[in-house]
Amino acid sequence: MKKQELIDAIATRSDISRATAARSLDAATQLFTEALAKGEEVSLAGFGSFKVKERAARTGRNPQTGEAIQIAANRAVVFKPAKALKEAVN
């Protein structure tokens, strides 16, 4: 599902205009981004939770040459689905 399809679905199910649905979705994604950037966890009951995980620096291999390379430490967003979501998918 692409963003426009999601906006259309939200507008239809919520009986609101597409413009209002688009602004709502944009506001929600902006709030999620800001919270995760601060290191906060974002939880949606019945859907799952997003959190930032610290990844340590490590040594990897260049697949073309086999040469060892250093991979810098970074932060990654991790999603953990809720039980209800897992059950709905399976």
N, C-alpha and C. Protein backbone atom coordinates (compact mmCIF):
# COMPACT_ATOMS: atom_id res chain seq x y z
N MET A 1 0.85 -1.17 0.00
CA MET A 1 0.00 0.00 0.00
C MET A 1 0.90 1.24 0.00
N LYS A 2 0.64 2.11 -0.91
CA LYS A 2 1.40 3.36 -1.01
C LYS A 2 0.71 4.45 -0.20
N LYS A 3 1.42 5.56 0.00
CA LYS A 3 0.91 6.64 0.83
C LYS A 3 -0.44 7.15 0.34
N GLN A 4 -0.59 7.36 -0.96
CA GLN A 4 -1.85 7.88 -1.49
C GLN A 4 -2.99 6.89 -1.27
N GLU A 5 -2.72 5.61 -1.41
CA GLU A 5 -3.74 4.59 -1.15
C GLU A 5 -4.15 4.60 0.32
N LEU A 6 -3.18 4.79 1.21
CA LEU A 6 -3.47 4.87 2.63
C LEU A 6 -4.32 6.10 2.95
N ILE A 7 -3.99 7.22 2.35
CA ILE A 7 -4.77 8.45 2.54
C ILE A 7 -6.21 8.24 2.08
N ASP A 8 -6.38 7.63 0.91
CA ASP A 8 -7.73 7.37 0.39
C ASP A 8 -8.51 6.45 1.32
N ALA A 9 -7.86 5.42 1.85
CA ALA A 9 -8.52 4.49 2.76
C ALA A 9 -8.92 5.16 4.06
N ILE A 10 -8.03 6.01 4.60
CA ILE A 10 -8.34 6.74 5.84
C ILE A 10 -9.52 7.66 5.60
N ALA A 11 -9.52 8.38 4.49
CA ALA A 11 -10.61 9.32 4.18
C ALA A 11 -11.93 8.58 4.05
N THR A 12 -11.93 7.45 3.39
CA THR A 12 -13.16 6.69 3.20
C THR A 12 -13.68 6.12 4.50
N ARG A 13 -12.81 5.48 5.28
CA ARG A 13 -13.25 4.85 6.53
C ARG A 13 -13.61 5.85 7.61
N SER A 14 -12.99 7.02 7.58
CA SER A 14 -13.25 8.03 8.62
C SER A 14 -14.29 9.06 8.19
N ASP A 15 -14.73 8.98 6.94
CA ASP A 15 -15.71 9.93 6.40
C ASP A 15 -15.21 11.37 6.53
N ILE A 16 -13.95 11.57 6.12
CA ILE A 16 -13.34 12.90 6.10
C ILE A 16 -12.78 13.15 4.70
N SER A 17 -12.40 14.38 4.42
CA SER A 17 -11.85 14.69 3.11
C SER A 17 -10.45 14.10 2.96
N ARG A 18 -10.04 13.93 1.71
CA ARG A 18 -8.69 13.41 1.45
C ARG A 18 -7.63 14.39 1.96
N ALA A 19 -7.89 15.68 1.85
CA ALA A 19 -6.93 16.68 2.32
C ALA A 19 -6.74 16.58 3.83
N THR A 20 -7.83 16.40 4.56
CA THR A 20 -7.76 16.25 6.01
C THR A 20 -7.01 14.96 6.37
N ALA A 21 -7.30 13.89 5.65
CA ALA A 21 -6.62 12.61 5.90
C ALA A 21 -5.12 12.75 5.62
N ALA A 22 -4.77 13.47 4.56
CA ALA A 22 -3.36 13.66 4.22
C ALA A 22 -2.64 14.46 5.30
N ARG A 23 -3.28 15.53 5.78
CA ARG A 23 -2.67 16.34 6.84
C ARG A 23 -2.52 15.52 8.12
N SER A 24 -3.50 14.70 8.43
CA SER A 24 -3.44 13.86 9.63
C SER A 24 -2.31 12.84 9.54
N LEU A 25 -2.18 12.21 8.39
CA LEU A 25 -1.11 11.23 8.20
C LEU A 25 0.26 11.89 8.26
N ASP A 26 0.40 13.05 7.63
CA ASP A 26 1.66 13.79 7.67
C ASP A 26 2.02 14.20 9.10
N ALA A 27 1.01 14.65 9.86
CA ALA A 27 1.26 15.04 11.25
C ALA A 27 1.69 13.83 12.08
N ALA A 28 1.03 12.68 11.87
CA ALA A 28 1.38 11.48 12.63
C ALA A 28 2.80 11.03 12.31
N THR A 29 3.17 11.00 11.04
CA THR A 29 4.53 10.56 10.70
C THR A 29 5.57 11.53 11.22
N GLN A 30 5.26 12.82 11.22
CA GLN A 30 6.19 13.81 11.76
C GLN A 30 6.36 13.62 13.26
N LEU A 31 5.27 13.36 13.98
CA LEU A 31 5.35 13.13 15.42
C LEU A 31 6.13 11.87 15.73
N PHE A 32 5.92 10.80 14.95
CA PHE A 32 6.69 9.56 15.14
C PHE A 32 8.17 9.82 14.94
N THR A 33 8.50 10.54 13.87
CA THR A 33 9.90 10.84 13.56
C THR A 33 10.56 11.64 14.68
N GLU A 34 9.87 12.66 15.17
CA GLU A 34 10.42 13.49 16.24
C GLU A 34 10.63 12.69 17.51
N ALA A 35 9.67 11.85 17.87
CA ALA A 35 9.78 11.04 19.09
C ALA A 35 10.94 10.06 18.97
N LEU A 36 11.07 9.39 17.82
CA LEU A 36 12.15 8.42 17.64
C LEU A 36 13.51 9.11 17.62
N ALA A 37 13.58 10.31 17.04
CA ALA A 37 14.84 11.06 17.02
C ALA A 37 15.29 11.41 18.43
N LYS A 38 14.34 11.61 19.35
CA LYS A 38 14.68 11.89 20.75
C LYS A 38 15.02 10.62 21.51
N GLY A 39 14.85 9.45 20.89
CA GLY A 39 15.13 8.18 21.56
C GLY A 39 13.93 7.61 22.28
N GLU A 40 12.75 8.20 22.09
CA GLU A 40 11.53 7.71 22.74
C GLU A 40 10.97 6.53 21.96
N GLU A 41 10.17 5.71 22.64
CA GLU A 41 9.48 4.59 22.00
C GLU A 41 8.09 5.04 21.61
N VAL A 42 7.62 4.59 20.44
CA VAL A 42 6.28 4.90 19.96
C VAL A 42 5.50 3.59 19.94
N SER A 43 4.42 3.50 20.74
CA SER A 43 3.62 2.28 20.82
C SER A 43 2.20 2.56 20.38
N LEU A 44 1.68 1.66 19.56
CA LEU A 44 0.29 1.72 19.12
C LEU A 44 -0.36 0.41 19.53
N ALA A 45 -1.29 0.46 20.48
CA ALA A 45 -1.92 -0.75 21.01
C ALA A 45 -2.57 -1.53 19.88
N GLY A 46 -2.31 -2.83 19.85
CA GLY A 46 -2.89 -3.70 18.84
C GLY A 46 -2.12 -3.71 17.53
N PHE A 47 -1.16 -2.80 17.37
CA PHE A 47 -0.37 -2.74 16.13
C PHE A 47 1.09 -3.11 16.39
N GLY A 48 1.73 -2.37 17.31
CA GLY A 48 3.12 -2.67 17.63
C GLY A 48 3.84 -1.47 18.17
N SER A 49 5.15 -1.58 18.30
CA SER A 49 5.94 -0.48 18.83
C SER A 49 7.20 -0.28 18.01
N PHE A 50 7.60 0.98 17.92
CA PHE A 50 8.81 1.38 17.24
C PHE A 50 9.77 1.91 18.29
N LYS A 51 11.04 1.54 18.19
CA LYS A 51 12.04 2.11 19.08
C LYS A 51 13.38 2.18 18.37
N VAL A 52 14.28 2.99 18.92
CA VAL A 52 15.60 3.16 18.34
C VAL A 52 16.57 2.25 19.07
N LYS A 53 17.37 1.54 18.30
CA LYS A 53 18.35 0.62 18.86
C LYS A 53 19.75 1.08 18.43
N GLU A 54 20.66 1.10 19.38
CA GLU A 54 22.04 1.46 19.10
C GLU A 54 22.78 0.25 18.55
N ARG A 55 23.48 0.44 17.45
CA ARG A 55 24.29 -0.64 16.88
C ARG A 55 25.76 -0.26 17.02
N ALA A 56 26.53 -1.15 17.58
CA ALA A 56 27.96 -0.91 17.82
C ALA A 56 28.73 -0.98 16.50
N ALA A 57 29.90 -0.34 16.49
CA ALA A 57 30.79 -0.44 15.34
C ALA A 57 31.26 -1.88 15.22
N ARG A 58 31.49 -2.29 13.98
CA ARG A 58 31.91 -3.68 13.78
C ARG A 58 32.73 -3.79 12.50
N THR A 59 33.36 -4.93 12.34
CA THR A 59 34.14 -5.21 11.14
C THR A 59 33.30 -6.07 10.22
N GLY A 60 33.22 -5.68 8.95
CA GLY A 60 32.48 -6.45 7.96
C GLY A 60 33.39 -6.84 6.82
N ARG A 61 32.83 -7.42 5.79
CA ARG A 61 33.60 -7.85 4.62
C ARG A 61 32.98 -7.26 3.37
N ASN A 62 33.82 -6.76 2.49
CA ASN A 62 33.38 -6.32 1.18
C ASN A 62 33.08 -7.58 0.37
N PRO A 63 31.83 -7.79 -0.08
CA PRO A 63 31.49 -9.04 -0.77
C PRO A 63 32.20 -9.22 -2.11
N GLN A 64 32.61 -8.12 -2.73
CA GLN A 64 33.29 -8.24 -4.03
C GLN A 64 34.76 -8.63 -3.89
N THR A 65 35.43 -8.06 -2.88
CA THR A 65 36.87 -8.29 -2.74
C THR A 65 37.23 -9.18 -1.55
N GLY A 66 36.31 -9.32 -0.59
CA GLY A 66 36.61 -10.08 0.61
C GLY A 66 37.42 -9.30 1.62
N GLU A 67 37.72 -8.04 1.31
CA GLU A 67 38.52 -7.18 2.17
C GLU A 67 37.72 -6.78 3.42
N ALA A 68 38.39 -6.75 4.57
CA ALA A 68 37.76 -6.33 5.82
C ALA A 68 37.53 -4.82 5.78
N ILE A 69 36.34 -4.40 6.21
CA ILE A 69 36.01 -2.97 6.27
C ILE A 69 35.40 -2.66 7.63
N GLN A 70 35.54 -1.42 8.06
CA GLN A 70 34.96 -0.99 9.33
C GLN A 70 33.57 -0.41 9.06
N ILE A 71 32.60 -0.90 9.79
CA ILE A 71 31.24 -0.38 9.72
C ILE A 71 31.02 0.46 10.97
N ALA A 72 30.68 1.73 10.77
CA ALA A 72 30.54 2.66 11.89
C ALA A 72 29.32 2.34 12.75
N ALA A 73 29.37 2.75 14.00
CA ALA A 73 28.22 2.62 14.90
C ALA A 73 27.09 3.50 14.37
N ASN A 74 25.87 3.06 14.57
CA ASN A 74 24.72 3.86 14.14
C ASN A 74 23.49 3.53 14.97
N ARG A 75 22.43 4.25 14.70
CA ARG A 75 21.15 4.02 15.36
C ARG A 75 20.16 3.55 14.30
N ALA A 76 19.36 2.53 14.64
CA ALA A 76 18.39 1.98 13.69
C ALA A 76 17.02 1.91 14.35
N VAL A 77 15.99 2.11 13.57
CA VAL A 77 14.62 1.99 14.06
C VAL A 77 14.21 0.52 13.95
N VAL A 78 13.66 0.00 15.04
CA VAL A 78 13.24 -1.39 15.11
C VAL A 78 11.74 -1.42 15.37
N PHE A 79 11.01 -2.30 14.67
CA PHE A 79 9.57 -2.45 14.87
C PHE A 79 9.29 -3.82 15.47
N LYS A 80 8.49 -3.83 16.53
CA LYS A 80 8.07 -5.08 17.15
C LYS A 80 6.55 -5.16 17.04
N PRO A 81 6.02 -6.09 16.25
CA PRO A 81 4.57 -6.16 16.08
C PRO A 81 3.87 -6.65 17.34
N ALA A 82 2.65 -6.18 17.54
CA ALA A 82 1.83 -6.61 18.67
C ALA A 82 1.26 -7.99 18.38
N LYS A 83 0.83 -8.65 19.40
CA LYS A 83 0.27 -9.99 19.27
C LYS A 83 -0.93 -9.99 18.32
N ALA A 84 -1.79 -8.97 18.43
CA ALA A 84 -2.98 -8.90 17.58
C ALA A 84 -2.59 -8.80 16.10
N LEU A 85 -1.55 -8.04 15.79
CA LEU A 85 -1.09 -7.90 14.40
C LEU A 85 -0.53 -9.22 13.90
N LYS A 86 0.26 -9.89 14.72
CA LYS A 86 0.82 -11.18 14.33
C LYS A 86 -0.29 -12.18 14.02
N GLU A 87 -1.31 -12.20 14.87
CA GLU A 87 -2.43 -13.13 14.67
C GLU A 87 -3.23 -12.78 13.42
N ALA A 88 -3.40 -11.50 13.13
CA ALA A 88 -4.15 -11.08 11.95
C ALA A 88 -3.43 -11.48 10.66
N VAL A 89 -2.09 -11.43 10.70
CA VAL A 89 -1.30 -11.76 9.51
C VAL A 89 -1.26 -13.26 9.30
N ASN A 90 -1.19 -14.01 10.36
CA ASN A 90 -1.13 -15.48 10.26
C ASN A 90 -2.51 -16.00 10.26
